[in-house]
Amino acid sequence: MDAVAPNQADGAASHVRLTDSTLRDGSHAMAHQFTEEQVRAVVHALDRSNVEVIEVAHGDGLGGSSFNYGFSRVDEFDLIAAAVEEAVSAKIAVLLLPGLGTIEHLRHAHQIGASVARIATHCTEADVSVQHFGAARDLGMETVGFLMLSHRARPTELAGQARIMVDAGAQCVYVVDSAGAMVLSDAQARVQAVLAEIGSQAQVGFHGHQNLSLGVANSVLAVQGGARQIDGALCALGAGAGNAPTEVLAATFDRLGISTGVDVQRVLAAAQDVLRPMIPRMPVADRSAIVQGYAGVYSSFLLHAERASERYGVPAHEILQRVGEAGYVGGQEDMIIDIAIQLAHQRDGAPAS
């Protein structure tokens, strides 16, 4: 019996670049405890799998190691340097959130070999990234814009924010489903709107999370809508219920006849044999993670909510539901404690102070 030929996705690109975020977004799930040895092993495996870009940094980007976000076990610049040294063909990318990371952080990352700068802002605050894109281009780095919590902006509004980033020097702008809240056409409509705005001036990318288990499906629809760069993480390691798994993306795109250049068997081995033994707790779409997607809560809030739950004796999913109702964004992790205290007082029948 003849083998079934892969189907070419309608409107899909002939080539899509996969960026693996295991060593950055996955840092959230690892409580920022990656070691240099672990980074080298993951980079080596991804590089041998022909993954083109590997992102390495604290989960909250350059400068993220702090009391508010969680301290890294190893200085992130040591991890970046190790990744650069280990990679043969893959580019090493870093993430920077203006206001947390600085241009000096970016210069340091570039000096030790990082060549891709991913500048992230809230989906309606692209204007704070202008000087950072300028600095990255002056350094000769490839530039990628990240519009976080993109589900909170209408497609046309998001397109306008992408225009700001492109005019500032972004060579690609990502629709970022930070909460894993987008449902199928939500992702595709935003990708199409951004593409219609920026045309051939820059590429469009998509970054999906698994809180509603739609990260891979949304990524396929994003590609069919015109996205040419897609993010994943081995074993779905990432904030919340995790990212779209790199190994599943590679296999799915291969079945659809969309070239990524990634060796599917090697990336499957990278996930199963190299990364999985390192993971103390696998990402899962449990009650709290699903609530994040349902309520549109930033995925990196999960561990913060779980810690507050243990400390104040209130359910993490209730904390996250309140966070969603309040509309908090990345950088407001400290407000999770306030919500937990309020819920604890309500449980005890005492007024919140």
Protein backbone atom coordinates (compact mmCIF):
# COMPACT_ATOMS: atom_id res chain seq x y z
CA MET A 1 0.00 0.00 0.00
CA ASP A 2 1.39 3.35 -1.02
CA ALA A 3 2.24 5.84 1.73
CA VAL A 4 -0.09 8.80 2.06
CA ALA A 5 1.58 11.97 0.79
CA PRO A 6 1.69 14.98 3.09
CA ASN A 7 -0.88 17.66 2.31
CA GLN A 8 0.24 21.14 1.29
CA ALA A 9 -1.59 23.60 3.55
CA ASP A 10 -3.70 26.05 1.60
CA GLY A 11 -1.97 29.41 1.36
CA ALA A 12 1.01 28.17 3.37
CA ALA A 13 4.59 29.23 2.83
CA SER A 14 7.14 26.93 1.26
CA HIS A 15 9.45 27.66 4.23
CA VAL A 16 8.79 28.67 7.83
CA ARG A 17 11.53 29.50 10.34
CA LEU A 18 11.16 27.87 13.72
CA THR A 19 12.56 29.64 16.77
CA ASP A 20 12.95 27.48 19.86
CA SER A 21 12.24 29.22 23.17
CA THR A 22 12.94 26.32 25.54
CA LEU A 23 15.82 28.19 27.20
CA ARG A 24 13.87 31.43 27.64
CA ASP A 25 10.11 30.84 27.94
CA GLY A 26 10.92 27.45 29.40
CA SER A 27 12.85 29.23 32.12
CA HIS A 28 9.49 30.16 33.71
CA ALA A 29 8.56 26.49 34.11
CA MET A 30 12.03 25.77 35.48
CA ALA A 31 11.77 28.63 38.00
CA HIS A 32 14.80 30.11 36.17
CA GLN A 33 17.08 27.33 37.42
CA PHE A 34 18.76 26.25 34.17
CA THR A 35 22.43 25.36 34.54
CA GLU A 36 25.17 25.96 32.00
CA GLU A 37 25.48 22.22 31.41
CA GLN A 38 21.76 21.98 30.66
CA VAL A 39 21.88 24.94 28.29
CA ARG A 40 24.80 23.43 26.40
CA ALA A 41 23.03 20.08 26.07
CA VAL A 42 19.80 21.63 24.76
CA VAL A 43 21.58 23.99 22.35
CA HIS A 44 23.70 21.13 21.03
CA ALA A 45 20.62 18.98 20.39
CA LEU A 46 18.63 21.79 18.78
CA ASP A 47 21.56 22.84 16.63
CA ARG A 48 22.02 19.27 15.37
CA SER A 49 18.28 19.25 14.59
CA ASN A 50 18.77 22.29 12.30
CA VAL A 51 16.61 24.62 14.40
CA GLU A 52 17.56 28.02 13.01
CA VAL A 53 17.13 30.25 16.07
CA ILE A 54 17.49 29.40 19.77
CA GLU A 55 16.35 31.94 22.36
CA VAL A 56 18.28 32.09 25.65
CA ALA A 57 17.56 34.43 28.57
CA HIS A 58 15.74 34.72 31.88
CA GLY A 59 12.05 33.99 31.35
CA ASP A 60 11.26 37.69 31.57
CA GLY A 61 14.14 38.63 29.30
CA LEU A 62 17.44 40.39 29.85
CA GLY A 63 17.62 41.86 33.33
CA GLY A 64 14.72 39.72 34.53
CA SER A 65 16.59 38.03 37.37
CA SER A 66 15.13 39.89 40.35
CA PHE A 67 13.04 39.54 43.49
CA ASN A 68 9.85 40.41 41.60
CA TYR A 69 10.32 37.94 38.74
CA GLY A 70 12.52 35.28 40.30
CA PHE A 71 16.29 34.98 40.52
CA SER A 72 18.25 32.95 37.97
CA ARG A 73 20.40 30.12 39.28
CA VAL A 74 23.14 31.10 36.79
CA ASP A 75 23.82 34.58 35.42
CA GLU A 76 21.93 34.80 32.12
CA PHE A 77 24.95 36.22 30.30
CA ASP A 78 26.95 33.13 31.25
CA LEU A 79 24.14 31.00 29.79
CA ILE A 80 24.04 33.09 26.61
CA ALA A 81 27.81 32.82 26.20
CA ALA A 82 27.61 29.05 26.67
CA ALA A 83 24.85 28.81 24.07
CA VAL A 84 26.84 30.87 21.56
CA GLU A 85 29.88 28.68 22.11
CA GLU A 86 27.87 25.47 21.70
CA ALA A 87 25.91 26.46 18.57
CA VAL A 88 27.48 25.69 15.22
CA SER A 89 24.87 27.05 12.80
CA ALA A 90 21.93 28.25 14.91
CA LYS A 91 21.57 31.92 15.77
CA ILE A 92 21.26 32.77 19.47
CA ALA A 93 18.44 35.18 20.29
CA VAL A 94 17.68 37.17 23.42
CA LEU A 95 14.45 38.78 24.65
CA LEU A 96 14.30 42.29 26.06
CA LEU A 97 11.34 44.04 27.69
CA PRO A 98 11.93 47.82 27.67
CA GLY A 99 11.77 49.10 31.23
CA LEU A 100 13.15 45.85 32.58
CA GLY A 101 16.03 45.15 30.22
CA THR A 102 18.19 48.04 29.04
CA ILE A 103 20.15 48.94 25.94
CA GLU A 104 23.30 48.22 27.95
CA HIS A 105 22.01 44.68 28.56
CA LEU A 106 21.47 44.36 24.82
CA ARG A 107 24.99 45.56 24.05
CA HIS A 108 26.43 43.04 26.48
CA ALA A 109 24.42 40.20 24.92
CA HIS A 110 25.65 41.23 21.48
CA GLN A 111 29.26 41.41 22.66
CA ILE A 112 29.14 37.79 23.79
CA GLY A 113 27.60 36.61 20.53
CA ALA A 114 23.81 36.94 20.54
CA SER A 115 22.73 37.98 17.06
CA VAL A 116 18.92 38.24 17.25
CA ALA A 117 17.20 40.87 19.43
CA ARG A 118 13.56 40.19 20.28
CA ILE A 119 12.02 43.34 21.75
CA ALA A 120 8.76 42.75 23.63
CA THR A 121 6.05 45.18 24.71
CA HIS A 122 2.42 44.98 25.74
CA CYS A 123 0.28 44.83 22.61
CA THR A 124 -0.74 48.49 22.87
CA GLU A 125 2.62 49.95 23.94
CA ALA A 126 4.89 49.45 20.93
CA ASP A 127 6.09 53.05 21.19
CA VAL A 128 8.31 52.18 24.19
CA SER A 129 10.41 49.92 21.94
CA VAL A 130 11.57 52.52 19.41
CA GLN A 131 15.00 53.31 20.89
CA HIS A 132 15.68 49.63 21.56
CA PHE A 133 15.08 48.68 17.93
CA GLY A 134 17.35 51.53 16.89
CA ALA A 135 20.09 50.31 19.21
CA ALA A 136 19.76 46.72 18.01
CA ARG A 137 19.97 47.75 14.35
CA ASP A 138 23.02 49.92 15.12
CA LEU A 139 24.64 46.82 16.62
CA GLY A 140 23.91 44.89 13.45
CA MET A 141 21.50 42.49 15.15
CA GLU A 142 18.47 40.93 13.50
CA THR A 143 15.39 42.55 15.03
CA VAL A 144 12.09 40.95 16.02
CA GLY A 145 9.14 42.67 17.68
CA PHE A 146 6.93 40.91 20.23
CA LEU A 147 3.40 42.23 20.80
CA MET A 148 2.50 40.45 24.04
CA LEU A 149 -1.05 39.55 25.08
CA SER A 150 -2.11 40.19 21.48
CA HIS A 151 -5.59 38.85 22.19
CA ARG A 152 -6.33 42.09 24.06
CA ALA A 153 -6.04 44.24 20.92
CA ARG A 154 -8.39 44.15 17.95
CA PRO A 155 -6.70 43.05 14.71
CA THR A 156 -6.65 46.58 13.27
CA GLU A 157 -5.30 48.02 16.51
CA LEU A 158 -2.60 45.37 16.65
CA ALA A 159 -1.65 46.14 13.06
CA GLY A 160 -1.13 49.78 14.00
CA GLN A 161 1.21 48.74 16.81
CA ALA A 162 3.13 46.51 14.41
CA ARG A 163 3.56 49.50 12.11
CA ILE A 164 5.27 51.39 14.96
CA MET A 165 7.72 48.54 15.46
CA VAL A 166 8.49 48.17 11.76
CA ASP A 167 9.05 51.89 11.38
CA ALA A 168 11.44 51.68 14.36
CA GLY A 169 13.47 48.93 12.69
CA ALA A 170 11.76 45.59 13.37
CA GLN A 171 12.39 43.05 10.61
CA CYS A 172 9.65 40.75 11.90
CA VAL A 173 6.70 41.39 14.22
CA TYR A 174 5.12 38.59 16.23
CA VAL A 175 1.51 38.17 17.21
CA VAL A 176 2.09 36.80 20.72
CA ASP A 177 -0.59 34.75 22.44
CA SER A 178 0.98 35.17 25.88
CA ALA A 179 -2.12 33.86 27.64
CA GLY A 180 -2.90 31.00 25.29
CA ALA A 181 -6.27 32.68 24.94
CA MET A 182 -6.69 32.81 21.17
CA VAL A 183 -9.11 30.43 19.52
CA LEU A 184 -8.29 29.56 15.90
CA SER A 185 -9.56 32.49 13.82
CA ASP A 186 -8.47 34.89 16.59
CA ALA A 187 -4.84 34.15 15.74
CA GLN A 188 -5.25 34.06 11.97
CA ALA A 189 -7.19 37.35 11.84
CA ARG A 190 -4.45 39.17 13.76
CA VAL A 191 -1.68 37.73 11.61
CA GLN A 192 -3.55 38.73 8.46
CA ALA A 193 -4.20 42.25 9.76
CA VAL A 194 -0.54 42.78 10.66
CA LEU A 195 0.56 41.42 7.28
CA ALA A 196 -1.87 43.70 5.47
CA GLU A 197 -0.40 46.69 7.31
CA ILE A 198 3.33 45.99 6.94
CA GLY A 199 3.28 44.11 3.63
CA SER A 200 6.74 43.13 2.42
CA GLN A 201 8.53 45.54 4.78
CA ALA A 202 8.87 42.86 7.45
CA GLN A 203 7.81 39.33 8.21
CA VAL A 204 5.06 38.28 10.61
CA GLY A 205 5.56 35.69 13.34
CA PHE A 206 3.36 33.84 15.83
CA HIS A 207 4.06 32.67 19.39
CA GLY A 208 1.46 30.33 20.86
CA HIS A 209 0.77 28.84 24.29
CA GLN A 210 -1.10 25.66 25.19
CA ASN A 211 -3.49 26.88 27.91
CA LEU A 212 -6.45 25.97 25.71
CA SER A 213 -4.40 23.30 23.90
CA LEU A 214 -4.52 25.28 20.64
CA GLY A 215 -0.91 26.44 20.32
CA VAL A 216 -0.12 24.12 17.40
CA ALA A 217 -3.44 24.64 15.61
CA ASN A 218 -3.12 28.41 16.00
CA SER A 219 0.43 28.23 14.64
CA VAL A 220 -0.72 26.34 11.53
CA LEU A 221 -3.49 28.87 10.95
CA ALA A 222 -1.01 31.69 11.47
CA VAL A 223 1.19 30.24 8.72
CA GLN A 224 -1.80 29.84 6.44
CA GLY A 225 -2.55 33.49 7.18
CA GLY A 226 0.94 34.59 6.14
CA ALA A 227 3.21 34.13 9.17
CA ARG A 228 6.75 33.09 8.26
CA GLN A 229 8.28 32.69 11.73
CA ILE A 230 6.85 30.44 14.44
CA ASP A 231 7.94 29.86 18.05
CA GLY A 232 7.97 26.61 19.95
CA ALA A 233 9.61 24.94 22.93
CA LEU A 234 10.73 21.35 23.38
CA CYS A 235 8.23 19.28 25.38
CA ALA A 236 6.03 22.43 25.42
CA LEU A 237 8.27 23.73 28.23
CA GLY A 238 7.08 27.24 28.91
CA ALA A 239 4.89 29.46 31.05
CA GLY A 240 1.35 28.38 31.89
CA ALA A 241 0.48 25.10 30.14
CA GLY A 242 3.56 25.64 28.02
CA ASN A 243 4.37 26.70 24.47
CA ALA A 244 3.46 24.98 21.25
CA PRO A 245 5.93 22.04 21.29
CA THR A 246 8.79 22.52 18.82
CA GLU A 247 8.88 18.81 18.01
CA VAL A 248 5.13 18.73 17.29
CA LEU A 249 5.37 21.87 15.15
CA ALA A 250 8.22 20.35 13.13
CA ALA A 251 6.32 17.10 12.58
CA THR A 252 3.06 18.87 11.76
CA PHE A 253 4.59 21.27 9.26
CA ASP A 254 6.43 18.37 7.64
CA ARG A 255 3.14 16.50 7.24
CA LEU A 256 1.63 19.63 5.68
CA GLY A 257 4.48 19.91 3.19
CA ILE A 258 5.78 23.12 4.77
CA SER A 259 9.56 23.23 4.97
CA THR A 260 11.20 24.23 8.26
CA GLY A 261 14.58 22.63 7.60
CA VAL A 262 14.28 20.88 10.96
CA ASP A 263 15.20 17.22 11.19
CA VAL A 264 12.05 15.75 12.73
CA GLN A 265 13.67 12.62 14.16
CA ARG A 266 16.51 14.56 15.74
CA VAL A 267 14.22 17.17 17.29
CA LEU A 268 12.02 14.37 18.68
CA ALA A 269 15.15 12.92 20.26
CA ALA A 270 16.12 16.35 21.61
CA ALA A 271 12.77 16.59 23.38
CA GLN A 272 12.56 13.04 24.67
CA ASP A 273 16.17 12.19 25.46
CA VAL A 274 17.81 15.53 26.25
CA LEU A 275 15.26 17.92 27.74
CA ARG A 276 12.63 15.69 29.35
CA PRO A 277 15.01 14.27 32.01
CA MET A 278 15.79 17.84 33.12
CA ILE A 279 12.18 18.86 33.75
CA PRO A 280 11.03 18.62 37.39
CA ARG A 281 7.41 19.28 36.42
CA MET A 282 5.94 18.92 32.95
CA PRO A 283 3.67 21.74 31.71
CA VAL A 284 0.06 20.60 31.77
CA ALA A 285 -3.32 22.11 30.92
CA ASP A 286 -4.67 21.73 34.45
CA ARG A 287 -7.45 23.80 36.00
CA SER A 288 -5.27 26.83 36.71
CA ALA A 289 -3.60 26.85 33.29
CA ILE A 290 -6.96 26.50 31.51
CA VAL A 291 -8.34 29.40 33.55
CA GLN A 292 -5.36 31.45 32.34
CA GLY A 293 -6.33 30.84 28.73
CA TYR A 294 -10.03 31.28 29.40
CA ALA A 295 -9.57 34.51 31.36
CA GLY A 296 -6.71 35.84 29.19
CA VAL A 297 -4.04 35.86 31.92
CA TYR A 298 -0.33 36.22 31.14
CA SER A 299 1.06 32.68 31.22
CA SER A 300 4.08 33.49 33.40
CA PHE A 301 1.69 34.36 36.25
CA LEU A 302 1.02 30.67 36.94
CA LEU A 303 3.89 29.91 39.31
CA HIS A 304 3.40 33.27 41.07
CA ALA A 305 -0.28 32.42 41.63
CA GLU A 306 0.59 28.93 42.88
CA ARG A 307 3.07 30.34 45.39
CA ALA A 308 0.48 32.87 46.60
CA SER A 309 -2.06 30.06 46.84
CA GLU A 310 0.20 28.06 49.15
CA ARG A 311 1.04 31.08 51.27
CA TYR A 312 -2.50 32.42 51.75
CA GLY A 313 -4.56 29.24 51.44
CA VAL A 314 -6.71 30.26 48.50
CA PRO A 315 -7.07 28.38 45.17
CA ALA A 316 -4.65 29.41 42.43
CA HIS A 317 -7.36 29.25 39.78
CA GLU A 318 -9.46 31.78 41.74
CA ILE A 319 -6.47 34.11 41.95
CA LEU A 320 -5.91 33.83 38.19
CA GLN A 321 -9.58 34.42 37.43
CA ARG A 322 -9.43 37.67 39.43
CA VAL A 323 -6.18 38.63 37.66
CA GLY A 324 -7.97 38.21 34.34
CA GLU A 325 -10.91 40.31 35.48
CA ALA A 326 -8.51 43.03 36.61
CA GLY A 327 -6.70 42.98 33.25
CA TYR A 328 -3.20 42.80 34.71
CA VAL A 329 -0.25 42.61 32.31
CA GLY A 330 3.35 41.44 32.52
CA GLY A 331 5.21 43.45 35.15
CA GLN A 332 2.30 43.42 37.61
CA GLU A 333 3.21 40.13 39.27
CA ASP A 334 3.27 41.84 42.66
CA MET A 335 -0.49 42.50 42.36
CA ILE A 336 -1.10 38.75 42.57
CA ILE A 337 -0.29 38.94 46.29
CA ASP A 338 -2.93 41.67 46.77
CA ILE A 339 -5.56 39.50 45.12
CA ALA A 340 -4.60 36.48 47.23
CA ILE A 341 -4.87 38.55 50.42
CA GLN A 342 -8.29 39.86 49.36
CA LEU A 343 -9.54 36.34 48.68
CA ALA A 344 -8.16 35.12 52.00
CA HIS A 345 -9.96 37.91 53.87
CA GLN A 346 -13.21 37.14 52.04
CA ARG A 347 -12.86 33.48 52.97
CA ASP A 348 -12.36 34.39 56.62
CA GLY A 349 -15.21 36.89 56.58
CA ALA A 350 -12.93 39.81 57.41
CA PRO A 351 -12.72 43.04 55.39
CA ALA A 352 -9.54 43.39 53.26
CA SER A 353 -7.24 46.08 54.66
